[in-house]
Amino acid sequence: MVDRAVIRTKLSFADARLNELGSHGKVSLERFQNDPTVQAAILHHLQVAIQSCMDIASHIVADEGLGIPGTSKDLFDFLRRHRVITPAVAGEMKELVGFRNLVVHAYDKLDARRAHAHLPLYRRALARFLRAVVTYAKL
């Protein structure tokens, strides 16, 4: 059984990052591309929110003995197979893990226009994952 206190703490942290992203939600593409401080803040909040979700997934997979993932994306396949999240949410989260990896490891290849365009989609995907975890953990 999952440790609800751990899940609750990580959910709260991820939710706070989503709220911060919401406060930047109306940033224009021009400002996002040309203001390195704004871009860094938004990408950092997004990266940390995604990482928090990865940590939550890892915690559930480990505590429930769902398997040993080979990659971070595998975490979401385990959660999908055990009906913690829907196939759609699993797909979105795997895409977000890829985006997080790009931000962390290949930041010089980041397409700012594409990142900006996807921000609302990423926020919604993270919110869907967090809602699914709340339901699963009965929080």
Protein backbone atom coordinates (compact mmCIF):
# COMPACT_ATOMS: atom_id res chain seq x y z
CA MET A 1 0.00 0.00 0.00
CA VAL A 2 1.27 3.47 -0.85
CA ASP A 3 2.39 5.83 1.86
CA ARG A 4 -0.31 8.49 1.62
CA ALA A 5 1.80 11.06 3.48
CA VAL A 6 4.56 10.78 0.86
CA ILE A 7 2.05 10.99 -1.98
CA ARG A 8 0.28 13.94 -0.38
CA THR A 9 3.57 15.85 0.02
CA LYS A 10 4.61 15.24 -3.58
CA LEU A 11 1.11 16.09 -4.86
CA SER A 12 1.18 19.36 -2.95
CA PHE A 13 4.56 20.26 -4.39
CA ALA A 14 3.50 19.43 -7.96
CA ASP A 15 0.26 21.36 -7.50
CA ALA A 16 2.20 24.42 -6.31
CA ARG A 17 4.34 24.26 -9.45
CA LEU A 18 1.19 24.05 -11.59
CA ASN A 19 -0.15 27.14 -9.85
CA GLU A 20 3.09 28.96 -10.64
CA LEU A 21 2.77 27.89 -14.26
CA GLY A 22 -0.77 29.22 -14.26
CA SER A 23 0.47 32.62 -13.17
CA HIS A 24 2.70 32.60 -16.27
CA GLY A 25 -0.04 31.17 -18.48
CA LYS A 26 -0.64 34.33 -20.48
CA VAL A 27 2.99 35.04 -21.34
CA SER A 28 3.25 35.92 -25.00
CA LEU A 29 5.41 33.91 -27.34
CA GLU A 30 7.55 36.99 -27.93
CA ARG A 31 8.22 37.44 -24.21
CA PHE A 32 8.81 33.71 -23.72
CA GLN A 33 11.37 33.70 -26.54
CA ASN A 34 13.09 36.97 -25.66
CA ASP A 35 13.06 37.10 -21.85
CA PRO A 36 15.45 34.44 -20.56
CA THR A 37 14.31 34.96 -16.96
CA VAL A 38 10.66 34.33 -17.81
CA GLN A 39 11.52 31.35 -19.99
CA ALA A 40 13.77 29.87 -17.29
CA ALA A 41 11.10 30.31 -14.60
CA ILE A 42 8.40 28.65 -16.69
CA LEU A 43 10.62 25.78 -17.79
CA HIS A 44 11.87 25.24 -14.24
CA HIS A 45 8.35 25.04 -12.80
CA LEU A 46 7.35 22.66 -15.57
CA GLN A 47 10.44 20.51 -15.13
CA VAL A 48 9.95 20.25 -11.37
CA ALA A 49 6.23 19.48 -11.74
CA ILE A 50 7.05 16.67 -14.18
CA GLN A 51 9.78 15.36 -11.88
CA SER A 52 7.35 15.37 -8.96
CA CYS A 53 4.93 13.28 -11.02
CA MET A 54 7.75 10.90 -11.92
CA ASP A 55 8.57 10.61 -8.21
CA ILE A 56 4.92 9.90 -7.40
CA ALA A 57 4.79 7.24 -10.11
CA SER A 58 8.01 5.68 -8.86
CA HIS A 59 6.69 5.60 -5.31
CA ILE A 60 3.44 3.90 -6.35
CA VAL A 61 5.23 1.37 -8.57
CA ALA A 62 7.70 0.49 -5.80
CA ASP A 63 5.22 0.40 -2.90
CA GLU A 64 2.67 -1.64 -4.85
CA GLY A 65 5.32 -3.97 -6.31
CA LEU A 66 4.17 -3.31 -9.86
CA GLY A 67 7.51 -4.12 -11.48
CA ILE A 68 10.98 -2.80 -12.14
CA PRO A 69 10.99 -0.07 -14.77
CA GLY A 70 13.82 0.12 -17.25
CA THR A 71 13.15 3.79 -17.96
CA SER A 72 11.22 6.64 -16.41
CA LYS A 73 8.60 6.32 -19.12
CA ASP A 74 8.03 2.70 -18.07
CA LEU A 75 6.65 3.94 -14.75
CA PHE A 76 3.58 5.26 -16.51
CA ASP A 77 3.11 2.02 -18.45
CA PHE A 78 3.05 0.13 -15.13
CA LEU A 79 0.49 2.56 -13.75
CA ARG A 80 -1.60 2.17 -16.91
CA ARG A 81 -1.48 -1.63 -16.81
CA HIS A 82 -2.62 -1.59 -13.18
CA ARG A 83 -5.38 0.93 -13.95
CA VAL A 84 -3.97 3.69 -11.79
CA ILE A 85 -4.10 5.99 -14.83
CA THR A 86 -5.80 5.78 -18.21
CA PRO A 87 -3.93 4.97 -21.41
CA ALA A 88 -4.37 8.61 -22.48
CA VAL A 89 -2.81 9.93 -19.28
CA ALA A 90 0.03 7.40 -19.57
CA GLY A 91 0.76 8.63 -23.09
CA GLU A 92 0.71 12.26 -22.00
CA MET A 93 3.02 11.59 -19.08
CA LYS A 94 5.48 9.70 -21.25
CA GLU A 95 5.54 12.69 -23.60
CA LEU A 96 6.15 14.98 -20.62
CA VAL A 97 9.05 12.82 -19.44
CA GLY A 98 10.57 13.25 -22.90
CA PHE A 99 10.06 17.01 -22.69
CA ARG A 100 11.63 17.10 -19.22
CA ASN A 101 14.63 15.19 -20.56
CA LEU A 102 14.95 17.71 -23.37
CA VAL A 103 14.85 20.64 -20.92
CA VAL A 104 17.42 19.01 -18.61
CA HIS A 105 19.79 17.34 -21.06
CA ALA A 106 19.32 18.91 -24.50
CA TYR A 107 18.31 22.46 -23.61
CA ASP A 108 20.27 23.81 -26.56
CA LYS A 109 17.86 21.97 -28.87
CA LEU A 110 14.69 23.31 -27.24
CA ASP A 111 12.24 24.81 -29.70
CA ALA A 112 10.86 27.76 -27.72
CA ARG A 113 7.93 28.25 -30.08
CA ARG A 114 6.84 24.62 -29.71
CA ALA A 115 7.40 24.63 -25.94
CA HIS A 116 5.30 27.78 -25.57
CA ALA A 117 2.51 26.35 -27.73
CA HIS A 118 2.39 23.17 -25.64
CA LEU A 119 2.37 24.81 -22.19
CA PRO A 120 -1.44 24.68 -21.77
CA LEU A 121 -1.50 21.04 -22.90
CA TYR A 122 1.29 20.12 -20.49
CA ARG A 123 -0.47 21.83 -17.58
CA ARG A 124 -3.70 19.96 -18.32
CA ALA A 125 -1.87 16.64 -18.63
CA LEU A 126 -0.15 17.14 -15.29
CA ALA A 127 -3.43 18.08 -13.65
CA ARG A 128 -5.09 14.93 -15.05
CA PHE A 129 -2.29 12.77 -13.67
CA LEU A 130 -2.51 14.38 -10.24
CA ARG A 131 -6.31 13.90 -10.15
CA ALA A 132 -5.88 10.22 -11.04
CA VAL A 133 -3.37 9.77 -8.22
CA VAL A 134 -5.69 11.48 -5.73
CA THR A 135 -8.44 9.08 -6.75
CA TYR A 136 -6.16 6.03 -6.63
CA ALA A 137 -4.65 6.89 -3.24
CA LYS A 138 -8.06 7.95 -1.87
CA LEU A 139 -6.77 11.32 -0.73
